[in-house]
Protein backbone atom coordinates (compact mmCIF):
# COMPACT_ATOMS: atom_id res chain seq x y z
CA UNK A 1 -7.22 -19.81 -1.43
CA UNK A 2 -9.44 -17.24 -3.10
CA UNK A 3 -8.11 -14.09 -4.70
CA UNK A 4 -9.44 -11.81 -1.97
CA UNK A 5 -7.82 -13.86 0.77
CA UNK A 6 -4.56 -13.81 -1.15
CA UNK A 7 -4.69 -10.02 -1.36
CA UNK A 8 -5.48 -9.72 2.35
CA UNK A 9 -2.61 -12.08 3.18
CA UNK A 10 -0.13 -10.09 1.08
CA UNK A 11 -1.31 -6.74 2.45
CA UNK A 12 -1.19 -7.86 6.08
CA UNK A 13 2.23 -9.44 5.57
CA UNK A 14 3.57 -6.30 3.89
CA UNK A 15 2.18 -4.06 6.64
CA UNK A 16 3.62 -6.29 9.36
CA UNK A 17 7.04 -6.41 7.72
CA UNK A 18 6.98 -2.65 7.14
CA UNK A 19 6.24 -1.78 10.79
CA UNK A 20 8.51 -4.40 12.34
CA UNK A 21 11.54 -5.22 10.23
CA UNK A 22 11.84 -2.20 7.95
CA UNK A 23 11.07 0.27 10.71
CA UNK A 24 14.39 -0.73 12.26
CA UNK A 25 16.34 -0.60 8.99
CA UNK A 26 16.72 3.06 8.08
CA UNK A 27 19.10 4.96 5.84
CA UNK A 28 19.31 8.69 6.59
CA UNK A 29 16.14 8.33 8.65
CA UNK A 30 14.19 6.84 5.72
CA UNK A 31 12.73 3.34 5.59
CA UNK A 32 11.31 1.11 2.87
CA UNK A 33 7.87 2.02 1.51
CA UNK A 34 6.66 -1.55 1.11
CA UNK A 35 2.93 -0.81 0.91
CA UNK A 36 3.52 1.74 -1.85
CA UNK A 37 5.60 -0.86 -3.69
CA UNK A 38 2.77 -3.39 -3.31
CA UNK A 39 0.30 -0.80 -4.63
CA UNK A 40 2.35 0.00 -7.72
CA UNK A 41 2.97 -3.68 -8.44
CA UNK A 42 -0.76 -4.40 -8.00
CA UNK A 43 -1.46 -1.90 -10.76
CA UNK A 44 1.26 -3.49 -12.90
CA UNK A 45 0.04 -7.07 -12.49
CA UNK A 46 -3.68 -6.60 -11.86
CA UNK A 47 -4.68 -3.85 -14.21
CA UNK A 48 -6.41 -0.59 -13.32
CA UNK A 49 -9.46 -1.99 -11.52
CA UNK A 50 -7.80 -4.64 -9.37
CA UNK A 51 -4.75 -2.46 -8.86
CA UNK A 52 -6.82 0.49 -7.65
CA UNK A 53 -8.78 -1.62 -5.18
CA UNK A 54 -5.65 -3.28 -3.78
CA UNK A 55 -3.82 0.06 -3.64
CA UNK A 56 -6.72 1.78 -1.89
CA UNK A 57 -6.81 -0.99 0.73
CA UNK A 58 -3.02 -0.78 1.10
CA UNK A 59 -3.30 2.98 1.60
CA UNK A 60 -5.97 2.61 4.27
CA UNK A 61 -3.91 -0.07 5.97
CA UNK A 62 -0.87 2.23 5.88
CA UNK A 63 -2.93 4.98 7.51
CA UNK A 64 -3.95 2.65 10.34
CA UNK A 65 -0.34 1.88 11.24
CA UNK A 66 0.97 5.45 11.02
CA UNK A 67 -0.08 8.72 12.60
CA UNK A 68 -1.61 10.17 9.45
CA UNK A 69 -5.23 11.11 8.73
CA UNK A 70 -7.29 8.18 7.49
CA UNK A 71 -7.30 8.06 3.71
CA UNK A 72 -4.19 10.16 3.08
CA UNK A 73 -2.14 7.29 1.65
CA UNK A 74 -5.17 5.80 -0.09
CA UNK A 75 -5.60 9.14 -1.85
CA UNK A 76 -2.17 8.68 -3.43
CA UNK A 77 -1.78 4.90 -3.74
CA UNK A 78 -4.88 4.19 -5.85
CA UNK A 79 -4.10 6.74 -8.60
CA UNK A 80 -0.49 5.51 -8.65
CA UNK A 81 -1.70 1.95 -9.30
CA UNK A 82 -4.05 3.09 -12.06
CA UNK A 83 -1.37 5.24 -13.70
CA UNK A 84 1.11 2.37 -13.57
CA UNK A 85 -1.34 -0.06 -15.16
CA UNK A 86 -2.19 2.37 -17.96
CA UNK A 87 1.46 3.06 -18.71
CA UNK A 88 2.28 -0.67 -18.76
CA UNK A 89 -0.42 -1.26 -21.39
CA UNK A 90 1.13 1.40 -23.62
CA UNK A 91 4.73 0.18 -23.41
CA UNK A 92 6.12 -1.23 -26.61
CA UNK A 93 9.02 -3.12 -25.05
CA UNK A 94 9.30 -4.35 -21.50
CA UNK A 95 12.93 -5.09 -20.76
CA UNK A 96 14.12 -5.58 -17.19
CA UNK A 97 16.21 -2.35 -17.04
CA UNK A 98 13.33 -0.36 -18.52
CA UNK A 99 10.84 -1.83 -16.02
CA UNK A 100 13.26 -1.19 -13.15
CA UNK A 101 13.66 2.45 -14.19
CA UNK A 102 9.89 2.76 -14.51
CA UNK A 103 9.35 1.27 -11.07
CA UNK A 104 11.96 3.62 -9.64
CA UNK A 105 10.22 6.61 -11.24
CA UNK A 106 6.82 5.44 -9.97
CA UNK A 107 8.21 5.01 -6.45
CA UNK A 108 9.77 8.49 -6.48
CA UNK A 109 6.51 10.02 -7.73
CA UNK A 110 4.51 8.06 -5.16
CA UNK A 111 6.70 9.08 -2.22
CA UNK A 112 6.78 12.71 -3.39
CA UNK A 113 3.01 12.74 -3.89
CA UNK A 114 2.39 11.29 -0.44
CA UNK A 115 4.67 13.85 1.16
CA UNK A 116 3.14 16.73 -0.80
CA UNK A 117 -0.40 15.65 0.13
CA UNK A 118 0.73 15.45 3.76
CA UNK A 119 2.12 18.97 3.45
CA UNK A 120 -1.15 20.11 1.88
CA UNK A 121 -3.02 18.86 4.95
CA UNK A 122 -0.54 20.61 7.25
CA UNK A 123 1.19 17.53 8.63
CA UNK A 124 4.66 18.99 7.99
CA UNK A 125 6.40 21.79 6.18
CA UNK A 126 7.38 21.34 2.55
CA UNK A 127 11.16 21.43 2.11
CA UNK A 128 11.91 20.53 -1.51
CA UNK A 129 15.49 19.38 -0.90
CA UNK A 130 14.45 17.10 1.97
CA UNK A 131 11.49 15.77 -0.02
CA UNK A 132 13.67 14.89 -2.99
CA UNK A 133 16.32 13.19 -0.84
CA UNK A 134 13.72 11.23 1.12
CA UNK A 135 11.90 10.15 -2.05
CA UNK A 136 15.12 9.01 -3.72
CA UNK A 137 16.40 7.05 -0.71
CA UNK A 138 13.02 5.41 -0.03
CA UNK A 139 12.66 4.49 -3.70
CA UNK A 140 16.10 2.92 -3.99
CA UNK A 141 15.53 0.89 -0.84
CA UNK A 142 12.06 -0.22 -1.98
CA UNK A 143 13.09 -1.13 -5.54
CA UNK A 144 15.73 -3.44 -4.06
CA UNK A 145 12.83 -5.56 -2.77
CA UNK A 146 10.88 -5.52 -6.03
CA UNK A 147 11.55 -9.07 -7.26
CA UNK A 148 10.18 -11.05 -4.28
CA UNK A 149 7.43 -8.51 -3.73
CA UNK A 150 6.43 -8.68 -7.39
CA UNK A 151 6.07 -12.45 -7.23
CA UNK A 152 3.87 -12.25 -4.13
CA UNK A 153 1.70 -9.48 -5.57
CA UNK A 154 1.29 -11.28 -8.90
CA UNK A 155 0.24 -14.43 -7.02
CA UNK A 156 -2.28 -12.45 -4.97
CA UNK A 157 -3.71 -10.15 -7.61
CA UNK A 158 -4.02 -12.49 -10.56
CA UNK A 159 -4.88 -15.63 -8.61
CA UNK A 160 -4.08 -17.71 -11.67
CA UNK A 161 -6.61 -15.79 -13.75
CA UNK A 162 -5.76 -13.90 -16.92
CA UNK A 163 -5.22 -10.19 -16.40
CA UNK A 164 -6.77 -9.09 -19.69
CA UNK A 165 -9.55 -10.73 -21.67
CA UNK A 166 -9.59 -9.68 -25.32
CA UNK A 167 -13.22 -9.90 -26.41
CA UNK A 168 -12.48 -8.97 -30.02
CA UNK A 169 -9.42 -11.10 -30.68
CA UNK A 170 -8.09 -14.52 -29.93
CA UNK A 171 -9.23 -14.76 -26.33
CA UNK A 172 -6.97 -14.38 -23.36
CA UNK A 173 -3.78 -12.36 -23.17
CA UNK A 174 -1.48 -13.30 -20.30
CA UNK A 175 1.01 -10.77 -19.01
CA UNK A 176 4.05 -11.45 -16.83
């Protein structure tokens, strides 16, 4: 299976699971943000270019399954993937607790950004307390699914290829 088909398969599966299974599982009216999680993990595993493309497609797909203007989620998801990939490159140590905290922070920022952009376009009022509670609950629920989602996204985005090619050094640097 080619890399593009893998990405399409993961995105369609994530969207289907988000609108069927996770739509029914809510805590305080908040559900899992699986497509945002896929976008952030695509930036982590695929680098800025691949991550941005996958995240943009995930954002457009999210807009097709929700009642939001087309491109609203893509406007947030792609920069989140790029920011994640750039921060990962600059990390000195990547321990599991540190990566989990980073993923949690990225999820909170992504959910808050999406809600603030929606408020900017007049989709809803901006209530800071509600935004913070929603972002925190959605992030905790989404991070709980990070391990299996990370494996699927890594399989789709890297496709067995190296993420970074060092043209000045020893050759190929594999991450993850």
